[in-house]
Amino acid sequence: MPQNGGGKGWKTDPETGQQTMPDKWKKYLDWLLSESRVPSTTRLWAVENDVNERTVRRWKTDPRFIREWDRRATELNVHPERTQGVVDALHAAAVEGDVKAASLYLQYIEKFTPKRRLVLDDDREVSGLSDAELHAELESLMSGLDV
């Protein structure tokens, strides 16, 4: 018969003062966050680990479990190796001609690309010019070209 609680409950770590998750809960969370879940369903996991399926469903609604699940999932999903794998896949697809992948890749790298400001010789930023001033500046630049 499956155990009722699947563990002895949360304990307070004497050194940190933080509550620690029961071992079975940790094992279930590890399974939830694994890339390839074996067994494939919560029901099968519960049977394999001698825990009632209703108990496992209760764990998933416990605020402490949810906080830890969210924290670990966030940590896992923003891990540099995972992120780099996605960026590499986007780049490879973009190089092969996938326009959507190219767009997403360029959006991603834009935040790492230094922004350039257009500045005139007299240190005025182009973005601050009126239409008339910009037109006059372009006229003066064009007059020096042999077009």
N, C-alpha and C. Protein backbone atom coordinates (compact mmCIF):
# COMPACT_ATOMS: atom_id res chain seq x y z
N MET A 1 0.85 -1.19 0.00
CA MET A 1 0.00 0.00 0.00
C MET A 1 0.89 1.24 0.00
N PRO A 2 0.61 2.21 -0.90
CA PRO A 2 1.44 3.40 -0.95
C PRO A 2 1.39 4.18 0.36
N GLN A 3 2.52 4.84 0.65
CA GLN A 3 2.59 5.66 1.84
C GLN A 3 1.69 6.87 1.68
N ASN A 4 1.18 7.38 2.77
CA ASN A 4 0.27 8.51 2.71
C ASN A 4 0.98 9.80 2.35
N GLY A 5 2.04 10.16 3.06
CA GLY A 5 2.67 11.45 2.84
C GLY A 5 3.87 11.43 1.94
N GLY A 6 4.46 10.26 1.74
CA GLY A 6 5.63 10.17 0.88
C GLY A 6 6.87 10.78 1.50
N GLY A 7 6.87 11.05 2.77
CA GLY A 7 8.02 11.63 3.44
C GLY A 7 7.63 12.07 4.84
N LYS A 8 8.59 12.46 5.62
CA LYS A 8 8.30 12.84 7.00
C LYS A 8 7.91 14.30 7.12
N GLY A 9 7.83 15.02 6.06
CA GLY A 9 7.45 16.42 6.11
C GLY A 9 8.63 17.35 6.01
N TRP A 10 8.30 18.60 5.92
CA TRP A 10 9.31 19.64 5.79
C TRP A 10 10.03 19.81 7.12
N LYS A 11 11.34 20.04 7.02
CA LYS A 11 12.15 20.27 8.22
C LYS A 11 12.87 21.60 8.08
N THR A 12 13.19 22.18 9.22
CA THR A 12 13.94 23.43 9.22
C THR A 12 15.42 23.12 9.35
N ASP A 13 16.21 23.62 8.42
CA ASP A 13 17.66 23.44 8.45
C ASP A 13 18.20 24.29 9.59
N PRO A 14 18.89 23.67 10.56
CA PRO A 14 19.37 24.43 11.73
C PRO A 14 20.39 25.50 11.37
N GLU A 15 21.14 25.32 10.29
CA GLU A 15 22.17 26.29 9.92
C GLU A 15 21.59 27.49 9.18
N THR A 16 20.69 27.25 8.25
CA THR A 16 20.15 28.34 7.43
C THR A 16 18.81 28.86 7.93
N GLY A 17 18.09 28.03 8.70
CA GLY A 17 16.77 28.41 9.16
C GLY A 17 15.69 28.24 8.10
N GLN A 18 16.09 27.73 6.92
CA GLN A 18 15.13 27.54 5.84
C GLN A 18 14.53 26.14 5.90
N GLN A 19 13.31 26.04 5.40
CA GLN A 19 12.67 24.72 5.36
C GLN A 19 13.23 23.92 4.20
N THR A 20 13.40 22.62 4.45
CA THR A 20 13.88 21.74 3.39
C THR A 20 12.79 20.75 3.02
N MET A 21 12.74 20.45 1.76
CA MET A 21 11.72 19.59 1.19
C MET A 21 12.00 18.12 1.55
N PRO A 22 10.95 17.35 1.83
CA PRO A 22 11.14 15.92 2.09
C PRO A 22 11.77 15.22 0.88
N ASP A 23 12.50 14.15 1.15
CA ASP A 23 13.23 13.44 0.09
C ASP A 23 12.35 12.98 -1.07
N LYS A 24 11.17 12.43 -0.79
CA LYS A 24 10.30 11.95 -1.87
C LYS A 24 9.83 13.12 -2.72
N TRP A 25 9.58 14.26 -2.09
CA TRP A 25 9.16 15.44 -2.83
C TRP A 25 10.28 15.88 -3.76
N LYS A 26 11.52 15.87 -3.24
CA LYS A 26 12.69 16.23 -4.05
C LYS A 26 12.82 15.29 -5.24
N LYS A 27 12.63 14.00 -4.97
CA LYS A 27 12.75 13.01 -6.03
C LYS A 27 11.70 13.26 -7.11
N TYR A 28 10.48 13.58 -6.69
CA TYR A 28 9.41 13.87 -7.65
C TYR A 28 9.73 15.14 -8.44
N LEU A 29 10.22 16.17 -7.76
CA LEU A 29 10.56 17.41 -8.45
C LEU A 29 11.70 17.18 -9.44
N ASP A 30 12.69 16.39 -9.05
CA ASP A 30 13.77 16.04 -9.99
C ASP A 30 13.19 15.36 -11.23
N TRP A 31 12.23 14.47 -11.02
CA TRP A 31 11.60 13.76 -12.14
C TRP A 31 10.83 14.76 -13.02
N LEU A 32 10.08 15.68 -12.38
CA LEU A 32 9.31 16.67 -13.14
C LEU A 32 10.22 17.53 -14.03
N LEU A 33 11.40 17.86 -13.53
CA LEU A 33 12.31 18.75 -14.24
C LEU A 33 13.26 18.03 -15.18
N SER A 34 13.20 16.69 -15.20
CA SER A 34 14.12 15.95 -16.06
C SER A 34 13.69 16.05 -17.52
N GLU A 35 14.67 15.98 -18.42
CA GLU A 35 14.38 16.10 -19.85
C GLU A 35 13.61 14.90 -20.37
N SER A 36 13.98 13.73 -19.91
CA SER A 36 13.26 12.53 -20.34
C SER A 36 12.69 11.86 -19.10
N ARG A 37 11.40 11.97 -18.96
CA ARG A 37 10.74 11.44 -17.77
C ARG A 37 10.52 9.94 -17.89
N VAL A 38 11.16 9.23 -17.00
CA VAL A 38 10.96 7.78 -16.90
C VAL A 38 10.70 7.48 -15.44
N PRO A 39 9.52 6.97 -15.14
CA PRO A 39 8.41 6.60 -16.02
C PRO A 39 7.76 7.84 -16.64
N SER A 40 6.89 7.62 -17.61
CA SER A 40 6.39 8.71 -18.43
C SER A 40 5.24 9.52 -17.84
N THR A 41 4.57 9.02 -16.80
CA THR A 41 3.44 9.75 -16.22
C THR A 41 3.57 9.84 -14.71
N THR A 42 2.86 10.81 -14.15
CA THR A 42 2.84 10.97 -12.69
C THR A 42 2.27 9.71 -12.03
N ARG A 43 1.25 9.15 -12.63
CA ARG A 43 0.63 7.95 -12.04
C ARG A 43 1.66 6.83 -11.95
N LEU A 44 2.41 6.62 -13.02
CA LEU A 44 3.42 5.57 -13.01
C LEU A 44 4.56 5.89 -12.04
N TRP A 45 4.92 7.18 -11.94
CA TRP A 45 5.95 7.58 -10.98
C TRP A 45 5.48 7.27 -9.56
N ALA A 46 4.22 7.58 -9.27
CA ALA A 46 3.66 7.34 -7.94
C ALA A 46 3.69 5.85 -7.61
N VAL A 47 3.29 5.02 -8.55
CA VAL A 47 3.30 3.57 -8.33
C VAL A 47 4.73 3.09 -8.08
N GLU A 48 5.65 3.53 -8.93
CA GLU A 48 7.04 3.10 -8.83
C GLU A 48 7.68 3.56 -7.51
N ASN A 49 7.22 4.67 -6.97
CA ASN A 49 7.81 5.23 -5.75
C ASN A 49 6.96 5.01 -4.51
N ASP A 50 5.94 4.14 -4.65
CA ASP A 50 5.11 3.74 -3.52
C ASP A 50 4.45 4.95 -2.83
N VAL A 51 3.88 5.83 -3.66
CA VAL A 51 3.18 7.02 -3.16
C VAL A 51 1.82 7.07 -3.84
N ASN A 52 0.79 7.43 -3.09
CA ASN A 52 -0.54 7.55 -3.65
C ASN A 52 -0.56 8.72 -4.64
N GLU A 53 -1.21 8.54 -5.78
CA GLU A 53 -1.25 9.59 -6.80
C GLU A 53 -1.92 10.87 -6.28
N ARG A 54 -2.93 10.74 -5.43
CA ARG A 54 -3.57 11.92 -4.84
C ARG A 54 -2.57 12.71 -3.99
N THR A 55 -1.70 11.99 -3.31
CA THR A 55 -0.68 12.64 -2.49
C THR A 55 0.25 13.47 -3.37
N VAL A 56 0.64 12.91 -4.49
CA VAL A 56 1.52 13.64 -5.42
C VAL A 56 0.80 14.88 -5.94
N ARG A 57 -0.48 14.77 -6.24
CA ARG A 57 -1.25 15.94 -6.70
C ARG A 57 -1.29 17.01 -5.60
N ARG A 58 -1.38 16.60 -4.35
CA ARG A 58 -1.36 17.56 -3.23
C ARG A 58 -0.01 18.27 -3.15
N TRP A 59 1.07 17.50 -3.35
CA TRP A 59 2.39 18.12 -3.33
C TRP A 59 2.45 19.27 -4.33
N LYS A 60 1.91 19.02 -5.52
CA LYS A 60 1.99 20.01 -6.59
C LYS A 60 1.18 21.28 -6.29
N THR A 61 0.30 21.23 -5.31
CA THR A 61 -0.47 22.42 -4.95
C THR A 61 0.08 23.11 -3.70
N ASP A 62 1.05 22.49 -3.05
CA ASP A 62 1.64 23.07 -1.84
C ASP A 62 2.47 24.30 -2.26
N PRO A 63 2.23 25.47 -1.66
CA PRO A 63 2.95 26.69 -2.05
C PRO A 63 4.47 26.56 -1.95
N ARG A 64 4.96 25.81 -0.98
CA ARG A 64 6.41 25.62 -0.84
C ARG A 64 6.96 24.82 -2.01
N PHE A 65 6.21 23.79 -2.42
CA PHE A 65 6.63 22.97 -3.55
C PHE A 65 6.60 23.82 -4.82
N ILE A 66 5.53 24.60 -4.99
CA ILE A 66 5.39 25.45 -6.18
C ILE A 66 6.54 26.44 -6.27
N ARG A 67 6.90 27.07 -5.14
CA ARG A 67 8.01 28.03 -5.14
C ARG A 67 9.32 27.37 -5.56
N GLU A 68 9.58 26.18 -4.99
CA GLU A 68 10.83 25.48 -5.32
C GLU A 68 10.81 25.02 -6.77
N TRP A 69 9.68 24.53 -7.24
CA TRP A 69 9.53 24.09 -8.63
C TRP A 69 9.79 25.28 -9.56
N ASP A 70 9.19 26.41 -9.27
CA ASP A 70 9.36 27.60 -10.09
C ASP A 70 10.82 28.06 -10.07
N ARG A 71 11.42 28.08 -8.89
CA ARG A 71 12.83 28.52 -8.78
C ARG A 71 13.75 27.63 -9.59
N ARG A 72 13.58 26.32 -9.43
CA ARG A 72 14.46 25.38 -10.14
C ARG A 72 14.20 25.37 -11.64
N ALA A 73 12.94 25.50 -12.04
CA ALA A 73 12.62 25.53 -13.48
C ALA A 73 13.22 26.78 -14.12
N THR A 74 13.12 27.91 -13.43
CA THR A 74 13.69 29.14 -13.95
C THR A 74 15.20 29.02 -14.09
N GLU A 75 15.83 28.49 -13.06
CA GLU A 75 17.28 28.29 -13.07
C GLU A 75 17.69 27.38 -14.22
N LEU A 76 16.94 26.32 -14.42
CA LEU A 76 17.23 25.37 -15.48
C LEU A 76 17.04 25.99 -16.86
N ASN A 77 15.95 26.73 -17.03
CA ASN A 77 15.62 27.27 -18.35
C ASN A 77 16.50 28.42 -18.78
N VAL A 78 17.09 29.13 -17.85
CA VAL A 78 17.97 30.23 -18.24
C VAL A 78 19.45 29.84 -18.14
N HIS A 79 19.71 28.59 -17.96
CA HIS A 79 21.09 28.12 -17.89
C HIS A 79 21.79 28.44 -19.21
N PRO A 80 23.00 29.01 -19.17
CA PRO A 80 23.68 29.41 -20.40
C PRO A 80 23.83 28.31 -21.45
N GLU A 81 24.07 27.08 -21.02
CA GLU A 81 24.22 25.99 -22.00
C GLU A 81 22.92 25.77 -22.77
N ARG A 82 21.79 25.82 -22.07
CA ARG A 82 20.49 25.64 -22.74
C ARG A 82 20.23 26.79 -23.69
N THR A 83 20.44 27.99 -23.21
CA THR A 83 20.20 29.17 -24.03
C THR A 83 21.08 29.13 -25.27
N GLN A 84 22.35 28.80 -25.09
CA GLN A 84 23.27 28.77 -26.22
C GLN A 84 22.85 27.72 -27.24
N GLY A 85 22.33 26.60 -26.78
CA GLY A 85 21.85 25.57 -27.70
C GLY A 85 20.73 26.08 -28.59
N VAL A 86 19.82 26.85 -28.00
CA VAL A 86 18.70 27.42 -28.77
C VAL A 86 19.23 28.45 -29.76
N VAL A 87 20.15 29.30 -29.30
CA VAL A 87 20.72 30.32 -30.18
C VAL A 87 21.46 29.66 -31.34
N ASP A 88 22.21 28.60 -31.05
CA ASP A 88 22.91 27.88 -32.13
C ASP A 88 21.94 27.29 -33.14
N ALA A 89 20.84 26.73 -32.64
CA ALA A 89 19.83 26.14 -33.54
C ALA A 89 19.18 27.23 -34.40
N LEU A 90 18.88 28.38 -33.78
CA LEU A 90 18.31 29.50 -34.55
C LEU A 90 19.28 29.95 -35.64
N HIS A 91 20.54 30.07 -35.28
CA HIS A 91 21.54 30.50 -36.26
C HIS A 91 21.64 29.51 -37.41
N ALA A 92 21.69 28.23 -37.08
CA ALA A 92 21.79 27.20 -38.13
C ALA A 92 20.58 27.25 -39.07
N ALA A 93 19.38 27.41 -38.50
CA ALA A 93 18.18 27.48 -39.33
C ALA A 93 18.19 28.76 -40.16
N ALA A 94 18.67 29.86 -39.59
CA ALA A 94 18.72 31.13 -40.31
C ALA A 94 19.67 31.03 -41.50
N VAL A 95 20.82 30.41 -41.29
CA VAL A 95 21.80 30.24 -42.37
C VAL A 95 21.23 29.38 -43.50
N GLU A 96 20.36 28.46 -43.14
CA GLU A 96 19.73 27.58 -44.15
C GLU A 96 18.58 28.27 -44.88
N GLY A 97 18.27 29.52 -44.47
CA GLY A 97 17.25 30.27 -45.19
C GLY A 97 15.92 30.42 -44.47
N ASP A 98 15.83 29.98 -43.23
CA ASP A 98 14.58 30.13 -42.47
C ASP A 98 14.46 31.59 -42.02
N VAL A 99 13.54 32.32 -42.66
CA VAL A 99 13.40 33.75 -42.41
C VAL A 99 12.96 34.03 -40.98
N LYS A 100 12.05 33.25 -40.45
CA LYS A 100 11.58 33.45 -39.07
C LYS A 100 12.74 33.24 -38.08
N ALA A 101 13.53 32.19 -38.30
CA ALA A 101 14.68 31.93 -37.43
C ALA A 101 15.68 33.07 -37.53
N ALA A 102 15.89 33.59 -38.73
CA ALA A 102 16.82 34.71 -38.91
C ALA A 102 16.33 35.93 -38.14
N SER A 103 15.03 36.20 -38.22
CA SER A 103 14.45 37.33 -37.51
C SER A 103 14.62 37.18 -36.00
N LEU A 104 14.32 35.99 -35.48
CA LEU A 104 14.45 35.75 -34.05
C LEU A 104 15.91 35.84 -33.60
N TYR A 105 16.82 35.31 -34.42
CA TYR A 105 18.25 35.35 -34.09
C TYR A 105 18.72 36.81 -34.03
N LEU A 106 18.33 37.60 -35.03
CA LEU A 106 18.75 38.99 -35.05
C LEU A 106 18.14 39.79 -33.89
N GLN A 107 16.91 39.48 -33.51
CA GLN A 107 16.31 40.13 -32.34
C GLN A 107 17.10 39.79 -31.09
N TYR A 108 17.52 38.54 -30.99
CA TYR A 108 18.27 38.12 -29.81
C TYR A 108 19.62 38.83 -29.72
N ILE A 109 20.37 38.85 -30.83
CA ILE A 109 21.71 39.44 -30.77
C ILE A 109 21.69 40.96 -30.71
N GLU A 110 20.55 41.56 -31.07
CA GLU A 110 20.46 43.02 -31.03
C GLU A 110 20.77 43.57 -29.65
N LYS A 111 20.36 42.85 -28.61
CA LYS A 111 20.60 43.38 -27.26
C LYS A 111 22.08 43.33 -26.87
N PHE A 112 22.88 42.59 -27.63
CA PHE A 112 24.33 42.51 -27.35
C PHE A 112 25.14 43.40 -28.28
N THR A 113 24.47 43.98 -29.26
CA THR A 113 25.15 44.82 -30.25
C THR A 113 25.17 46.25 -29.75
N PRO A 114 26.36 46.87 -29.71
CA PRO A 114 26.43 48.26 -29.24
C PRO A 114 25.62 49.18 -30.16
N LYS A 115 24.92 50.11 -29.57
CA LYS A 115 24.12 51.06 -30.35
C LYS A 115 25.03 52.19 -30.81
N ARG A 116 24.87 52.56 -32.09
CA ARG A 116 25.65 53.67 -32.63
C ARG A 116 24.75 54.89 -32.74
N ARG A 117 25.30 56.02 -32.35
CA ARG A 117 24.59 57.28 -32.48
C ARG A 117 25.16 58.02 -33.68
N LEU A 118 24.28 58.54 -34.50
CA LEU A 118 24.73 59.35 -35.62
C LEU A 118 24.98 60.76 -35.13
N VAL A 119 26.23 61.21 -35.28
CA VAL A 119 26.62 62.53 -34.80
C VAL A 119 27.28 63.28 -35.95
N LEU A 120 26.94 64.54 -36.09
CA LEU A 120 27.54 65.38 -37.12
C LEU A 120 28.91 65.85 -36.66
N ASP A 121 29.64 66.45 -37.57
CA ASP A 121 30.99 66.93 -37.24
C ASP A 121 31.00 67.92 -36.08
N ASP A 122 29.92 68.67 -35.91
CA ASP A 122 29.88 69.66 -34.83
C ASP A 122 29.24 69.09 -33.55
N ASP A 123 29.25 67.76 -33.41
CA ASP A 123 28.78 67.04 -32.23
C ASP A 123 27.28 67.10 -31.99
N ARG A 124 26.49 67.48 -32.98
CA ARG A 124 25.04 67.45 -32.85
C ARG A 124 24.56 66.05 -33.26
N GLU A 125 23.63 65.51 -32.48
CA GLU A 125 23.06 64.20 -32.84
C GLU A 125 22.03 64.38 -33.94
N VAL A 126 22.07 63.50 -34.92
CA VAL A 126 21.15 63.56 -36.05
C VAL A 126 19.71 63.42 -35.57
N SER A 127 19.48 62.60 -34.55
CA SER A 127 18.12 62.37 -34.08
C SER A 127 17.48 63.65 -33.52
N GLY A 128 18.29 64.66 -33.17
CA GLY A 128 17.76 65.89 -32.62
C GLY A 128 17.49 66.97 -33.65
N LEU A 129 17.77 66.69 -34.92
CA LEU A 129 17.57 67.69 -35.96
C LEU A 129 16.13 67.73 -36.43
N SER A 130 15.69 68.92 -36.79
CA SER A 130 14.36 69.03 -37.41
C SER A 130 14.48 68.56 -38.85
N ASP A 131 13.36 68.40 -39.51
CA ASP A 131 13.38 67.98 -40.92
C ASP A 131 14.14 68.98 -41.78
N ALA A 132 13.91 70.27 -41.52
CA ALA A 132 14.58 71.31 -42.31
C ALA A 132 16.09 71.27 -42.08
N GLU A 133 16.50 71.11 -40.79
CA GLU A 133 17.94 71.05 -40.49
C GLU A 133 18.58 69.82 -41.12
N LEU A 134 17.88 68.70 -41.07
CA LEU A 134 18.40 67.48 -41.67
C LEU A 134 18.52 67.65 -43.18
N HIS A 135 17.52 68.24 -43.81
CA HIS A 135 17.56 68.48 -45.25
C HIS A 135 18.74 69.37 -45.62
N ALA A 136 18.94 70.44 -44.86
CA ALA A 136 20.06 71.35 -45.12
C ALA A 136 21.39 70.64 -44.96
N GLU A 137 21.50 69.80 -43.92
CA GLU A 137 22.75 69.06 -43.68
C GLU A 137 23.04 68.10 -44.84
N LEU A 138 22.00 67.41 -45.30
CA LEU A 138 22.17 66.49 -46.43
C LEU A 138 22.53 67.23 -47.70
N GLU A 139 21.93 68.39 -47.92
CA GLU A 139 22.28 69.21 -49.10
C GLU A 139 23.74 69.58 -49.10
N SER A 140 24.24 69.98 -47.90
CA SER A 140 25.65 70.38 -47.82
C SER A 140 26.57 69.20 -48.03
N LEU A 141 26.18 68.04 -47.57
CA LEU A 141 27.00 66.84 -47.79
C LEU A 141 26.98 66.43 -49.27
N MET A 142 25.82 66.52 -49.88
CA MET A 142 25.69 66.13 -51.28
C MET A 142 26.43 67.10 -52.20
N SER A 143 26.51 68.36 -51.81
CA SER A 143 27.17 69.32 -52.68
C SER A 143 28.65 69.00 -52.84
N GLY A 144 29.23 68.32 -51.88
CA GLY A 144 30.63 67.96 -51.95
C GLY A 144 30.89 66.69 -52.76
N LEU A 145 29.84 66.02 -53.17
CA LEU A 145 29.98 64.78 -53.95
C LEU A 145 29.82 65.08 -55.44
N ASP A 146 30.50 64.34 -56.23
CA ASP A 146 30.36 64.49 -57.68
C ASP A 146 29.40 63.40 -58.16
N VAL A 147 28.10 63.70 -58.13
CA VAL A 147 27.08 62.70 -58.48
C VAL A 147 26.52 62.90 -59.83
